[in-house]
Amino acid sequence: MITHPLPPQAFARMDESADEEFYQEPRLVTHIDDRAIAAVTQLYRETLPAGGAILDLMSSWISHLPPEMTFGRVEGLGMNEQELQANPRLHGYAVHNLNDHAALPYADGEFDAACICVSVDYLVRPVEVIRDIGRVLTPGAPLVVTFSNRCFPTKAVAIWHRLTGPGQQQLVESYLAEAGNWQRVRSVIPLAEGAGGDPLYAVLGNRRDDGRP
């Protein structure tokens, strides 16, 4: 069982240089294989509200949203402006470093769902970020966090490297528990390791709908 607060060294990285330097060159590639991408898209199909306002956090040039679904608004937040500009699903975007500024540049209750795809392992203040994601969501709104066993190893936090997929799921669940404004937190494994190709793990939660902040 992972309990918080975790020690600061749990969030140390091999490369502690400025994230802006690492992400300054656009990477117009996919970071998981086609099967894993399809599994992310299916989770979104099952979870995200059609017609709603969606916040795509730590976004890039592709959001893996279901092509047949229409959303009222899709806002991307990421590190590289060229990648965000190239994303055809975004209605708007913000270039924002969550490791320097955990508070999101959005109003309370502005979005109906949020997602983080294969990037949660880079957060050095994950509980603060996830708590503020809850702030910008409407009551009951879902958060979908997906990840695989692939990453930029020098930028992933130390504790991530010590865990395998199920342990990483427990870690992300613990982030939501510590944030305190989430309910119905659950893990799923759309594609297990050993089945060929990239595995995919997911943690889902819903913004509390009982009036608590």
N, C-alpha and C. Protein backbone atom coordinates (compact mmCIF):
# COMPACT_ATOMS: atom_id res chain seq x y z
N MET A 1 0.84 -1.19 0.00
CA MET A 1 0.00 0.00 0.00
C MET A 1 0.88 1.24 0.00
N ILE A 2 0.64 2.15 -0.94
CA ILE A 2 1.41 3.38 -1.04
C ILE A 2 0.70 4.45 -0.23
N THR A 3 1.43 5.07 0.69
CA THR A 3 0.83 6.11 1.51
C THR A 3 1.58 7.43 1.30
N HIS A 4 0.86 8.51 1.50
CA HIS A 4 1.44 9.85 1.33
C HIS A 4 1.56 10.52 2.71
N PRO A 5 2.43 11.50 2.85
CA PRO A 5 3.25 12.07 1.77
C PRO A 5 4.48 11.21 1.48
N LEU A 6 4.82 11.13 0.21
CA LEU A 6 6.04 10.44 -0.21
C LEU A 6 7.22 11.39 0.00
N PRO A 7 8.40 10.85 0.24
CA PRO A 7 9.57 11.71 0.45
C PRO A 7 9.94 12.45 -0.84
N PRO A 8 10.56 13.61 -0.72
CA PRO A 8 10.92 14.39 -1.91
C PRO A 8 11.75 13.61 -2.93
N GLN A 9 12.62 12.72 -2.45
CA GLN A 9 13.47 11.98 -3.39
C GLN A 9 12.66 11.04 -4.29
N ALA A 10 11.43 10.73 -3.92
CA ALA A 10 10.59 9.90 -4.78
C ALA A 10 10.30 10.59 -6.11
N PHE A 11 10.41 11.92 -6.11
CA PHE A 11 10.08 12.67 -7.31
C PHE A 11 11.32 13.30 -7.95
N ALA A 12 12.49 12.79 -7.58
CA ALA A 12 13.73 13.21 -8.23
C ALA A 12 13.78 12.61 -9.64
N ARG A 13 14.53 13.26 -10.52
CA ARG A 13 14.67 12.78 -11.89
C ARG A 13 16.14 12.73 -12.27
N MET A 14 16.49 11.85 -13.17
CA MET A 14 17.86 11.79 -13.65
C MET A 14 18.28 13.08 -14.32
N ASP A 15 17.33 13.72 -15.02
CA ASP A 15 17.59 14.99 -15.70
C ASP A 15 16.76 16.06 -15.02
N GLU A 16 17.41 16.88 -14.22
CA GLU A 16 16.71 17.95 -13.52
C GLU A 16 16.85 19.30 -14.22
N SER A 17 17.31 19.26 -15.47
CA SER A 17 17.38 20.52 -16.23
C SER A 17 15.97 21.01 -16.54
N ALA A 18 15.85 22.24 -16.96
CA ALA A 18 14.55 22.85 -17.22
C ALA A 18 13.76 22.03 -18.23
N ASP A 19 12.51 21.76 -17.92
CA ASP A 19 11.66 20.99 -18.84
C ASP A 19 11.49 21.72 -20.17
N GLU A 20 11.51 23.03 -20.14
CA GLU A 20 11.36 23.79 -21.39
C GLU A 20 12.47 23.45 -22.38
N GLU A 21 13.67 23.17 -21.86
CA GLU A 21 14.77 22.79 -22.74
C GLU A 21 14.52 21.42 -23.35
N PHE A 22 14.06 20.48 -22.54
CA PHE A 22 13.84 19.11 -23.02
C PHE A 22 12.76 19.06 -24.08
N TYR A 23 11.71 19.87 -23.92
CA TYR A 23 10.56 19.81 -24.82
C TYR A 23 10.56 20.88 -25.90
N GLN A 24 11.67 21.60 -26.06
CA GLN A 24 11.66 22.71 -27.00
C GLN A 24 11.55 22.26 -28.46
N GLU A 25 12.03 21.08 -28.79
CA GLU A 25 11.92 20.55 -30.15
C GLU A 25 10.65 19.72 -30.26
N PRO A 26 9.82 19.98 -31.27
CA PRO A 26 8.58 19.19 -31.40
C PRO A 26 8.87 17.74 -31.72
N ARG A 27 8.06 16.86 -31.15
CA ARG A 27 8.18 15.43 -31.41
C ARG A 27 6.83 14.97 -31.98
N LEU A 28 6.71 14.97 -33.28
CA LEU A 28 5.46 14.62 -33.94
C LEU A 28 5.42 13.12 -34.21
N VAL A 29 5.51 12.36 -33.12
CA VAL A 29 5.50 10.91 -33.18
C VAL A 29 4.52 10.41 -32.12
N THR A 30 4.11 9.15 -32.24
CA THR A 30 3.29 8.55 -31.20
C THR A 30 4.21 7.80 -30.24
N HIS A 31 3.83 7.77 -28.98
CA HIS A 31 4.70 7.20 -27.94
C HIS A 31 4.24 5.82 -27.47
N ILE A 32 3.14 5.33 -28.00
CA ILE A 32 2.68 3.96 -27.78
C ILE A 32 2.22 3.41 -29.11
N ASP A 33 2.11 2.09 -29.22
CA ASP A 33 1.80 1.49 -30.51
C ASP A 33 0.30 1.58 -30.83
N ASP A 34 -0.06 1.12 -32.02
CA ASP A 34 -1.43 1.31 -32.51
C ASP A 34 -2.47 0.61 -31.63
N ARG A 35 -2.15 -0.59 -31.13
CA ARG A 35 -3.11 -1.29 -30.26
C ARG A 35 -3.36 -0.52 -28.98
N ALA A 36 -2.30 0.01 -28.39
CA ALA A 36 -2.45 0.78 -27.17
C ALA A 36 -3.21 2.08 -27.43
N ILE A 37 -2.94 2.71 -28.55
CA ILE A 37 -3.67 3.93 -28.92
C ILE A 37 -5.16 3.61 -29.06
N ALA A 38 -5.47 2.51 -29.73
CA ALA A 38 -6.88 2.11 -29.89
C ALA A 38 -7.54 1.86 -28.54
N ALA A 39 -6.79 1.31 -27.59
CA ALA A 39 -7.35 1.07 -26.25
C ALA A 39 -7.60 2.38 -25.51
N VAL A 40 -6.71 3.36 -25.67
CA VAL A 40 -6.95 4.68 -25.09
C VAL A 40 -8.22 5.28 -25.68
N THR A 41 -8.33 5.22 -27.00
CA THR A 41 -9.50 5.79 -27.67
C THR A 41 -10.78 5.12 -27.20
N GLN A 42 -10.76 3.80 -26.99
CA GLN A 42 -11.95 3.10 -26.53
C GLN A 42 -12.33 3.55 -25.11
N LEU A 43 -11.34 3.73 -24.25
CA LEU A 43 -11.62 4.24 -22.91
C LEU A 43 -12.28 5.62 -22.98
N TYR A 44 -11.76 6.45 -23.85
CA TYR A 44 -12.36 7.78 -24.02
C TYR A 44 -13.79 7.66 -24.54
N ARG A 45 -14.00 6.73 -25.46
CA ARG A 45 -15.34 6.52 -26.03
C ARG A 45 -16.33 6.14 -24.94
N GLU A 46 -15.88 5.34 -24.00
CA GLU A 46 -16.74 4.84 -22.93
C GLU A 46 -16.91 5.85 -21.79
N THR A 47 -16.01 6.82 -21.69
CA THR A 47 -15.95 7.64 -20.49
C THR A 47 -16.25 9.12 -20.72
N LEU A 48 -15.77 9.69 -21.82
CA LEU A 48 -15.91 11.13 -22.03
C LEU A 48 -17.31 11.48 -22.52
N PRO A 49 -17.88 12.58 -22.05
CA PRO A 49 -19.24 12.96 -22.44
C PRO A 49 -19.27 13.63 -23.81
N ALA A 50 -20.04 13.07 -24.72
CA ALA A 50 -20.20 13.69 -26.05
C ALA A 50 -20.78 15.08 -25.88
N GLY A 51 -20.23 16.03 -26.63
CA GLY A 51 -20.71 17.39 -26.57
C GLY A 51 -20.13 18.20 -25.43
N GLY A 52 -19.35 17.57 -24.53
CA GLY A 52 -18.84 18.25 -23.36
C GLY A 52 -17.56 19.03 -23.64
N ALA A 53 -17.09 19.72 -22.62
CA ALA A 53 -15.82 20.44 -22.67
C ALA A 53 -14.75 19.54 -22.07
N ILE A 54 -13.72 19.24 -22.87
CA ILE A 54 -12.70 18.27 -22.50
C ILE A 54 -11.36 18.98 -22.31
N LEU A 55 -10.66 18.65 -21.23
CA LEU A 55 -9.32 19.17 -20.98
C LEU A 55 -8.31 18.06 -21.20
N ASP A 56 -7.47 18.23 -22.22
CA ASP A 56 -6.43 17.26 -22.57
C ASP A 56 -5.11 17.76 -21.99
N LEU A 57 -4.73 17.19 -20.86
CA LEU A 57 -3.55 17.65 -20.13
C LEU A 57 -2.28 16.97 -20.61
N MET A 58 -1.18 17.73 -20.59
CA MET A 58 0.11 17.24 -21.05
C MET A 58 -0.04 16.75 -22.49
N SER A 59 -0.71 17.58 -23.25
CA SER A 59 -1.15 17.24 -24.60
C SER A 59 -0.02 17.42 -25.61
N SER A 60 -0.28 16.95 -26.81
CA SER A 60 0.70 17.01 -27.89
C SER A 60 -0.04 17.22 -29.22
N TRP A 61 0.48 16.64 -30.29
CA TRP A 61 -0.09 16.88 -31.62
C TRP A 61 -1.27 15.96 -31.93
N ILE A 62 -1.53 15.00 -31.05
CA ILE A 62 -2.65 14.08 -31.25
C ILE A 62 -3.25 13.76 -29.89
N SER A 63 -4.57 13.69 -29.82
CA SER A 63 -5.25 13.50 -28.54
C SER A 63 -5.91 12.14 -28.39
N HIS A 64 -5.93 11.32 -29.43
CA HIS A 64 -6.51 9.97 -29.40
C HIS A 64 -8.00 9.97 -29.06
N LEU A 65 -8.68 11.08 -29.29
CA LEU A 65 -10.12 11.13 -29.06
C LEU A 65 -10.85 10.35 -30.15
N PRO A 66 -12.00 9.74 -29.83
CA PRO A 66 -12.75 8.99 -30.84
C PRO A 66 -13.12 9.88 -32.02
N PRO A 67 -12.79 9.48 -33.23
CA PRO A 67 -13.02 10.36 -34.38
C PRO A 67 -14.49 10.66 -34.64
N GLU A 68 -15.37 9.74 -34.21
CA GLU A 68 -16.80 9.93 -34.47
C GLU A 68 -17.49 10.80 -33.42
N MET A 69 -16.78 11.11 -32.33
CA MET A 69 -17.39 11.89 -31.26
C MET A 69 -17.11 13.38 -31.44
N THR A 70 -18.13 14.18 -31.23
CA THR A 70 -18.00 15.63 -31.30
C THR A 70 -18.08 16.20 -29.89
N PHE A 71 -17.17 17.11 -29.59
CA PHE A 71 -17.14 17.74 -28.29
C PHE A 71 -17.37 19.24 -28.45
N GLY A 72 -18.00 19.83 -27.43
CA GLY A 72 -18.24 21.25 -27.50
C GLY A 72 -16.96 22.07 -27.48
N ARG A 73 -15.96 21.53 -26.79
CA ARG A 73 -14.67 22.23 -26.68
C ARG A 73 -13.63 21.21 -26.25
N VAL A 74 -12.47 21.27 -26.86
CA VAL A 74 -11.32 20.48 -26.43
C VAL A 74 -10.17 21.45 -26.24
N GLU A 75 -9.69 21.55 -25.01
CA GLU A 75 -8.59 22.45 -24.68
C GLU A 75 -7.37 21.61 -24.36
N GLY A 76 -6.23 21.94 -24.98
CA GLY A 76 -5.00 21.23 -24.73
C GLY A 76 -4.04 22.05 -23.89
N LEU A 77 -3.37 21.38 -22.96
CA LEU A 77 -2.33 22.02 -22.16
C LEU A 77 -1.08 21.18 -22.30
N GLY A 78 0.00 21.80 -22.76
CA GLY A 78 1.21 21.03 -23.00
C GLY A 78 2.44 21.90 -22.95
N MET A 79 3.57 21.34 -23.37
CA MET A 79 4.86 22.01 -23.24
C MET A 79 5.40 22.57 -24.56
N ASN A 80 4.91 22.07 -25.69
CA ASN A 80 5.48 22.49 -26.98
C ASN A 80 4.39 23.11 -27.85
N GLU A 81 4.54 24.37 -28.17
CA GLU A 81 3.50 25.08 -28.91
C GLU A 81 3.30 24.53 -30.32
N GLN A 82 4.38 24.11 -30.98
CA GLN A 82 4.23 23.57 -32.33
C GLN A 82 3.41 22.28 -32.32
N GLU A 83 3.63 21.44 -31.33
CA GLU A 83 2.84 20.21 -31.21
C GLU A 83 1.37 20.55 -30.99
N LEU A 84 1.11 21.49 -30.10
CA LEU A 84 -0.27 21.86 -29.80
C LEU A 84 -0.95 22.48 -31.02
N GLN A 85 -0.24 23.31 -31.74
CA GLN A 85 -0.79 23.93 -32.94
C GLN A 85 -1.15 22.89 -34.00
N ALA A 86 -0.41 21.77 -34.02
CA ALA A 86 -0.62 20.74 -35.03
C ALA A 86 -1.77 19.80 -34.68
N ASN A 87 -2.33 19.92 -33.47
CA ASN A 87 -3.38 18.99 -33.02
C ASN A 87 -4.73 19.43 -33.59
N PRO A 88 -5.33 18.64 -34.49
CA PRO A 88 -6.57 19.08 -35.14
C PRO A 88 -7.80 19.03 -34.25
N ARG A 89 -7.72 18.36 -33.10
CA ARG A 89 -8.88 18.24 -32.23
C ARG A 89 -9.01 19.40 -31.23
N LEU A 90 -7.98 20.20 -31.11
CA LEU A 90 -8.00 21.25 -30.11
C LEU A 90 -8.73 22.49 -30.61
N HIS A 91 -9.60 23.04 -29.76
CA HIS A 91 -10.20 24.34 -30.03
C HIS A 91 -9.33 25.47 -29.49
N GLY A 92 -8.49 25.16 -28.52
CA GLY A 92 -7.58 26.12 -27.93
C GLY A 92 -6.51 25.38 -27.16
N TYR A 93 -5.46 26.10 -26.77
CA TYR A 93 -4.39 25.44 -26.03
C TYR A 93 -3.67 26.46 -25.14
N ALA A 94 -2.93 25.91 -24.18
CA ALA A 94 -2.06 26.71 -23.32
C ALA A 94 -0.72 26.01 -23.19
N VAL A 95 0.36 26.74 -23.35
CA VAL A 95 1.70 26.22 -23.08
C VAL A 95 1.97 26.46 -21.60
N HIS A 96 2.15 25.37 -20.85
CA HIS A 96 2.16 25.49 -19.39
C HIS A 96 2.96 24.34 -18.81
N ASN A 97 3.89 24.66 -17.92
CA ASN A 97 4.74 23.66 -17.25
C ASN A 97 4.13 23.33 -15.90
N LEU A 98 3.50 22.17 -15.78
CA LEU A 98 2.86 21.77 -14.53
C LEU A 98 3.85 21.50 -13.42
N ASN A 99 5.09 21.21 -13.76
CA ASN A 99 6.09 20.97 -12.72
C ASN A 99 6.53 22.27 -12.06
N ASP A 100 6.39 23.37 -12.76
CA ASP A 100 6.69 24.68 -12.16
C ASP A 100 5.45 25.35 -11.60
N HIS A 101 4.31 25.10 -12.24
CA HIS A 101 3.06 25.76 -11.85
C HIS A 101 1.94 24.72 -11.84
N ALA A 102 1.68 24.17 -10.65
CA ALA A 102 0.68 23.11 -10.54
C ALA A 102 -0.74 23.63 -10.75
N ALA A 103 -0.97 24.92 -10.50
CA ALA A 103 -2.30 25.50 -10.68
C ALA A 103 -2.60 25.67 -12.17
N LEU A 104 -3.75 25.19 -12.59
CA LEU A 104 -4.14 25.26 -13.99
C LEU A 104 -4.69 26.64 -14.33
N PRO A 105 -4.47 27.12 -15.57
CA PRO A 105 -4.92 28.45 -15.96
C PRO A 105 -6.38 28.47 -16.42
N TYR A 106 -7.26 27.86 -15.63
CA TYR A 106 -8.68 27.75 -15.99
C TYR A 106 -9.54 28.04 -14.77
N ALA A 107 -10.79 28.37 -15.04
CA ALA A 107 -11.73 28.71 -13.98
C ALA A 107 -12.30 27.46 -13.33
N ASP A 108 -12.86 27.62 -12.14
CA ASP A 108 -13.53 26.53 -11.45
C ASP A 108 -14.66 25.96 -12.31
N GLY A 109 -14.76 24.64 -12.38
CA GLY A 109 -15.87 23.98 -13.05
C GLY A 109 -15.99 24.26 -14.53
N GLU A 110 -14.86 24.49 -15.19
CA GLU A 110 -14.88 24.89 -16.60
C GLU A 110 -15.01 23.70 -17.55
N PHE A 111 -14.68 22.48 -17.09
CA PHE A 111 -14.63 21.33 -17.99
C PHE A 111 -15.51 20.19 -17.48
N ASP A 112 -15.94 19.34 -18.44
CA ASP A 112 -16.80 18.20 -18.14
C ASP A 112 -16.02 16.89 -18.06
N ALA A 113 -14.74 16.91 -18.40
CA ALA A 113 -13.88 15.72 -18.32
C ALA A 113 -12.44 16.16 -18.55
N ALA A 114 -11.51 15.32 -18.08
CA ALA A 114 -10.09 15.59 -18.30
C ALA A 114 -9.37 14.27 -18.55
N CYS A 115 -8.26 14.34 -19.26
CA CYS A 115 -7.48 13.15 -19.54
C CYS A 115 -5.99 13.49 -19.53
N ILE A 116 -5.20 12.50 -19.11
CA ILE A 116 -3.73 12.57 -19.15
C ILE A 116 -3.27 11.27 -19.80
N CYS A 117 -2.65 11.38 -20.95
CA CYS A 117 -2.23 10.18 -21.69
C CYS A 117 -0.71 10.05 -21.66
N VAL A 118 -0.23 8.94 -21.16
CA VAL A 118 1.19 8.54 -21.08
C VAL A 118 2.11 9.69 -20.65
N SER A 119 1.71 10.42 -19.61
CA SER A 119 2.52 11.54 -19.15
C SER A 119 2.52 11.72 -17.64
N VAL A 120 1.68 11.01 -16.91
CA VAL A 120 1.59 11.23 -15.47
C VAL A 120 2.91 10.93 -14.77
N ASP A 121 3.74 10.10 -15.37
CA ASP A 121 5.03 9.72 -14.78
C ASP A 121 6.04 10.86 -14.74
N TYR A 122 5.75 11.98 -15.42
CA TYR A 122 6.67 13.11 -15.43
C TYR A 122 6.34 14.17 -14.38
N LEU A 123 5.23 14.02 -13.68
CA LEU A 123 4.80 15.03 -12.72
C LEU A 123 5.60 14.94 -11.42
N VAL A 124 6.21 16.05 -11.03
CA VAL A 124 6.97 16.06 -9.77
C VAL A 124 6.10 16.54 -8.60
N ARG A 125 4.93 17.11 -8.89
CA ARG A 125 3.97 17.52 -7.85
C ARG A 125 2.59 16.97 -8.22
N PRO A 126 2.49 15.66 -8.37
CA PRO A 126 1.27 15.08 -8.93
C PRO A 126 0.02 15.32 -8.10
N VAL A 127 0.13 15.27 -6.78
CA VAL A 127 -1.06 15.45 -5.95
C VAL A 127 -1.61 16.86 -6.11
N GLU A 128 -0.73 17.86 -6.14
CA GLU A 128 -1.18 19.23 -6.34
C GLU A 128 -1.86 19.39 -7.69
N VAL A 129 -1.26 18.82 -8.73
CA VAL A 129 -1.83 18.93 -10.06
C VAL A 129 -3.20 18.25 -10.12
N ILE A 130 -3.29 17.04 -9.59
CA ILE A 130 -4.55 16.29 -9.67
C ILE A 130 -5.63 16.95 -8.82
N ARG A 131 -5.23 17.54 -7.70
CA ARG A 131 -6.22 18.28 -6.91
C ARG A 131 -6.77 19.47 -7.71
N ASP A 132 -5.89 20.16 -8.45
CA ASP A 132 -6.36 21.31 -9.20
C ASP A 132 -7.15 20.90 -10.44
N ILE A 133 -6.86 19.72 -10.99
CA ILE A 133 -7.72 19.20 -12.06
C ILE A 133 -9.14 19.09 -11.55
N GLY A 134 -9.30 18.58 -10.35
CA GLY A 134 -10.64 18.49 -9.77
C GLY A 134 -11.31 19.83 -9.67
N ARG A 135 -10.55 20.86 -9.35
CA ARG A 135 -11.12 22.20 -9.23
C ARG A 135 -11.76 22.68 -10.54
N VAL A 136 -11.12 22.38 -11.67
CA VAL A 136 -11.61 22.92 -12.95
C VAL A 136 -12.68 22.04 -13.59
N LEU A 137 -13.03 20.90 -12.95
CA LEU A 137 -14.06 20.02 -13.48
C LEU A 137 -15.40 20.27 -12.80
N THR A 138 -16.46 19.92 -13.51
CA THR A 138 -17.80 19.96 -12.94
C THR A 138 -17.98 18.77 -11.99
N PRO A 139 -18.88 18.85 -11.01
CA PRO A 139 -19.11 17.73 -10.10
C PRO A 139 -19.46 16.44 -10.86
N GLY A 140 -18.81 15.35 -10.49
CA GLY A 140 -19.05 14.06 -11.13
C GLY A 140 -18.27 13.83 -12.40
N ALA A 141 -17.55 14.84 -12.89
CA ALA A 141 -16.83 14.72 -14.17
C ALA A 141 -15.69 13.72 -14.06
N PRO A 142 -15.41 12.96 -15.14
CA PRO A 142 -14.36 11.94 -15.10
C PRO A 142 -12.97 12.48 -15.40
N LEU A 143 -11.99 11.82 -14.82
CA LEU A 143 -10.58 11.97 -15.17
C LEU A 143 -10.09 10.61 -15.63
N VAL A 144 -9.45 10.56 -16.80
CA VAL A 144 -8.90 9.32 -17.34
C VAL A 144 -7.38 9.47 -17.44
N VAL A 145 -6.65 8.65 -16.69
CA VAL A 145 -5.18 8.68 -16.71
C VAL A 145 -4.71 7.36 -17.30
N THR A 146 -4.00 7.42 -18.42
CA THR A 146 -3.49 6.21 -19.06
C THR A 146 -1.97 6.26 -19.13
N PHE A 147 -1.35 5.07 -19.09
CA PHE A 147 0.11 5.01 -19.17
C PHE A 147 0.52 3.62 -19.61
N SER A 148 1.76 3.52 -20.06
CA SER A 148 2.32 2.26 -20.52
C SER A 148 3.66 2.05 -19.82
N ASN A 149 4.48 1.18 -20.39
CA ASN A 149 5.81 0.97 -19.83
C ASN A 149 6.87 1.73 -20.61
N ARG A 150 6.42 2.66 -21.43
CA ARG A 150 7.34 3.47 -22.22
C ARG A 150 7.33 4.90 -21.66
N CYS A 151 8.49 5.53 -21.70
CA CYS A 151 8.60 6.90 -21.20
C CYS A 151 9.94 7.47 -21.63
N PHE A 152 10.13 8.76 -21.38
CA PHE A 152 11.46 9.36 -21.45
C PHE A 152 12.10 9.11 -20.09
N PRO A 153 12.99 8.14 -19.96
CA PRO A 153 13.43 7.71 -18.64
C PRO A 153 14.10 8.79 -17.82
N THR A 154 14.80 9.71 -18.45
CA THR A 154 15.52 10.72 -17.68
C THR A 154 14.58 11.76 -17.07
N LYS A 155 13.33 11.83 -17.56
CA LYS A 155 12.38 12.81 -17.05
C LYS A 155 11.29 12.18 -16.18
N ALA A 156 11.19 10.87 -16.15
CA ALA A 156 10.22 10.22 -15.27
C ALA A 156 10.74 10.25 -13.83
N VAL A 157 9.84 10.38 -12.88
CA VAL A 157 10.26 10.50 -11.48
C VAL A 157 10.76 9.15 -10.95
N ALA A 158 11.57 9.22 -9.91
CA ALA A 158 12.28 8.04 -9.41
C ALA A 158 11.33 6.92 -9.01
N ILE A 159 10.25 7.24 -8.31
CA ILE A 159 9.37 6.19 -7.82
C ILE A 159 8.71 5.43 -8.97
N TRP A 160 8.51 6.09 -10.09
CA TRP A 160 7.90 5.43 -11.25
C TRP A 160 8.79 4.29 -11.73
N HIS A 161 10.09 4.51 -11.72
CA HIS A 161 11.03 3.50 -12.20
C HIS A 161 11.08 2.28 -11.28
N ARG A 162 10.68 2.44 -10.04
CA ARG A 162 10.76 1.33 -9.07
C ARG A 162 9.55 0.40 -9.15
N LEU A 163 8.54 0.79 -9.91
CA LEU A 163 7.28 0.05 -9.94
C LEU A 163 7.00 -0.50 -11.31
N THR A 164 6.23 -1.59 -11.37
CA THR A 164 5.70 -2.09 -12.64
C THR A 164 4.27 -1.61 -12.79
N GLY A 165 3.61 -2.02 -13.88
CA GLY A 165 2.29 -1.51 -14.21
C GLY A 165 1.28 -1.49 -13.07
N PRO A 166 0.99 -2.63 -12.43
CA PRO A 166 0.02 -2.61 -11.33
C PRO A 166 0.47 -1.73 -10.16
N GLY A 167 1.76 -1.70 -9.86
CA GLY A 167 2.25 -0.82 -8.81
C GLY A 167 2.10 0.64 -9.20
N GLN A 168 2.31 0.93 -10.47
CA GLN A 168 2.11 2.30 -10.95
C GLN A 168 0.64 2.70 -10.86
N GLN A 169 -0.25 1.74 -11.11
CA GLN A 169 -1.68 2.03 -10.92
C GLN A 169 -1.98 2.38 -9.47
N GLN A 170 -1.42 1.62 -8.54
CA GLN A 170 -1.62 1.92 -7.12
C GLN A 170 -1.08 3.30 -6.78
N LEU A 171 0.05 3.66 -7.39
CA LEU A 171 0.63 4.97 -7.15
C LEU A 171 -0.31 6.08 -7.61
N VAL A 172 -0.85 5.94 -8.83
CA VAL A 172 -1.74 6.97 -9.36
C VAL A 172 -3.03 7.02 -8.53
N GLU A 173 -3.54 5.86 -8.13
CA GLU A 173 -4.71 5.85 -7.25
C GLU A 173 -4.41 6.61 -5.96
N SER A 174 -3.20 6.45 -5.45
CA SER A 174 -2.84 7.13 -4.21
C SER A 174 -2.77 8.64 -4.41
N TYR A 175 -2.38 9.09 -5.61
CA TYR A 175 -2.39 10.52 -5.91
C TYR A 175 -3.82 11.07 -5.78
N LEU A 176 -4.78 10.37 -6.37
CA LEU A 176 -6.16 10.83 -6.31
C LEU A 176 -6.70 10.80 -4.88
N ALA A 177 -6.33 9.75 -4.14
CA ALA A 177 -6.78 9.66 -2.75
C ALA A 177 -6.23 10.81 -1.93
N GLU A 178 -4.96 11.12 -2.10
CA GLU A 178 -4.34 12.21 -1.34
C GLU A 178 -4.91 13.56 -1.77
N ALA A 179 -5.23 13.72 -3.05
CA ALA A 179 -5.80 14.98 -3.52
C ALA A 179 -7.12 15.27 -2.81
N GLY A 180 -7.90 14.23 -2.57
CA GLY A 180 -9.06 14.36 -1.70
C GLY A 180 -10.35 14.78 -2.35
N ASN A 181 -10.34 15.15 -3.62
CA ASN A 181 -11.57 15.61 -4.26
C ASN A 181 -12.04 14.68 -5.37
N TRP A 182 -11.75 13.38 -5.19
CA TRP A 182 -12.12 12.37 -6.18
C TRP A 182 -12.91 11.24 -5.53
N GLN A 183 -13.78 10.64 -6.31
CA GLN A 183 -14.55 9.48 -5.86
C GLN A 183 -14.58 8.44 -6.98
N ARG A 184 -15.04 7.25 -6.64
CA ARG A 184 -15.13 6.13 -7.60
C ARG A 184 -13.79 5.91 -8.33
N VAL A 185 -12.71 5.97 -7.59
CA VAL A 185 -11.38 5.75 -8.18
C VAL A 185 -11.20 4.26 -8.45
N ARG A 186 -10.81 3.92 -9.66
CA ARG A 186 -10.67 2.51 -10.02
C ARG A 186 -9.61 2.37 -11.11
N SER A 187 -9.01 1.18 -11.17
CA SER A 187 -7.99 0.85 -12.15
C SER A 187 -8.51 -0.19 -13.12
N VAL A 188 -8.06 -0.09 -14.36
CA VAL A 188 -8.35 -1.10 -15.38
C VAL A 188 -7.07 -1.37 -16.16
N ILE A 189 -6.99 -2.55 -16.74
CA ILE A 189 -5.84 -2.93 -17.56
C ILE A 189 -6.37 -3.33 -18.95
N PRO A 190 -6.50 -2.36 -19.86
CA PRO A 190 -7.01 -2.71 -21.19
C PRO A 190 -6.09 -3.66 -21.96
N LEU A 191 -4.77 -3.52 -21.79
CA LEU A 191 -3.82 -4.38 -22.49
C LEU A 191 -2.73 -4.76 -21.50
N ALA A 192 -2.71 -6.01 -21.09
CA ALA A 192 -1.74 -6.46 -20.10
C ALA A 192 -0.37 -6.70 -20.73
N GLU A 193 0.66 -6.62 -19.90
CA GLU A 193 2.00 -6.96 -20.38
C GLU A 193 2.05 -8.45 -20.71
N GLY A 194 2.89 -8.77 -21.69
CA GLY A 194 3.05 -10.15 -22.09
C GLY A 194 2.11 -10.59 -23.20
N ALA A 195 1.19 -9.69 -23.60
CA ALA A 195 0.24 -10.04 -24.65
C ALA A 195 0.72 -9.60 -26.02
N GLY A 196 1.94 -9.05 -26.08
CA GLY A 196 2.46 -8.54 -27.34
C GLY A 196 2.17 -7.07 -27.50
N GLY A 197 3.17 -6.31 -27.93
CA GLY A 197 2.99 -4.87 -28.09
C GLY A 197 3.05 -4.15 -26.75
N ASP A 198 2.74 -2.85 -26.81
CA ASP A 198 2.80 -2.03 -25.60
C ASP A 198 1.62 -2.34 -24.69
N PRO A 199 1.86 -2.53 -23.39
CA PRO A 199 0.75 -2.68 -22.45
C PRO A 199 0.08 -1.32 -22.24
N LEU A 200 -1.11 -1.35 -21.68
CA LEU A 200 -1.79 -0.11 -21.33
C LEU A 200 -2.48 -0.29 -19.99
N TYR A 201 -2.26 0.67 -19.11
CA TYR A 201 -2.88 0.70 -17.81
C TYR A 201 -3.67 2.01 -17.69
N ALA A 202 -4.69 1.99 -16.87
CA ALA A 202 -5.49 3.20 -16.69
C ALA A 202 -6.00 3.29 -15.27
N VAL A 203 -6.09 4.53 -14.79
CA VAL A 203 -6.75 4.85 -13.53
C VAL A 203 -7.81 5.90 -13.85
N LEU A 204 -9.04 5.65 -13.38
CA LEU A 204 -10.14 6.56 -13.61
C LEU A 204 -10.71 7.02 -12.27
N GLY A 205 -11.17 8.23 -12.25
CA GLY A 205 -11.84 8.77 -11.08
C GLY A 205 -12.86 9.80 -11.51
N ASN A 206 -13.73 10.17 -10.61
CA ASN A 206 -14.73 11.20 -10.89
C ASN A 206 -14.63 12.30 -9.84
N ARG A 207 -14.76 13.51 -10.31
CA ARG A 207 -14.77 14.66 -9.39
C ARG A 207 -15.87 14.46 -8.36
N ARG A 208 -15.58 14.71 -7.11
CA ARG A 208 -16.59 14.55 -6.07
C ARG A 208 -17.83 15.37 -6.42
N ASP A 209 -18.99 14.80 -6.18
CA ASP A 209 -20.24 15.51 -6.48
C ASP A 209 -21.04 15.79 -5.22
N ASP A 210 -20.34 15.77 -4.05
CA ASP A 210 -21.05 15.98 -2.79
C ASP A 210 -20.84 17.38 -2.22
N GLY A 211 -20.36 18.28 -3.07
CA GLY A 211 -20.17 19.66 -2.63
C GLY A 211 -18.84 19.95 -1.98
N ARG A 212 -18.03 18.91 -1.72
CA ARG A 212 -16.72 19.15 -1.13
C ARG A 212 -15.77 19.72 -2.18
N PRO A 213 -14.83 20.59 -1.79
CA PRO A 213 -13.93 21.21 -2.75
C PRO A 213 -12.92 20.22 -3.29
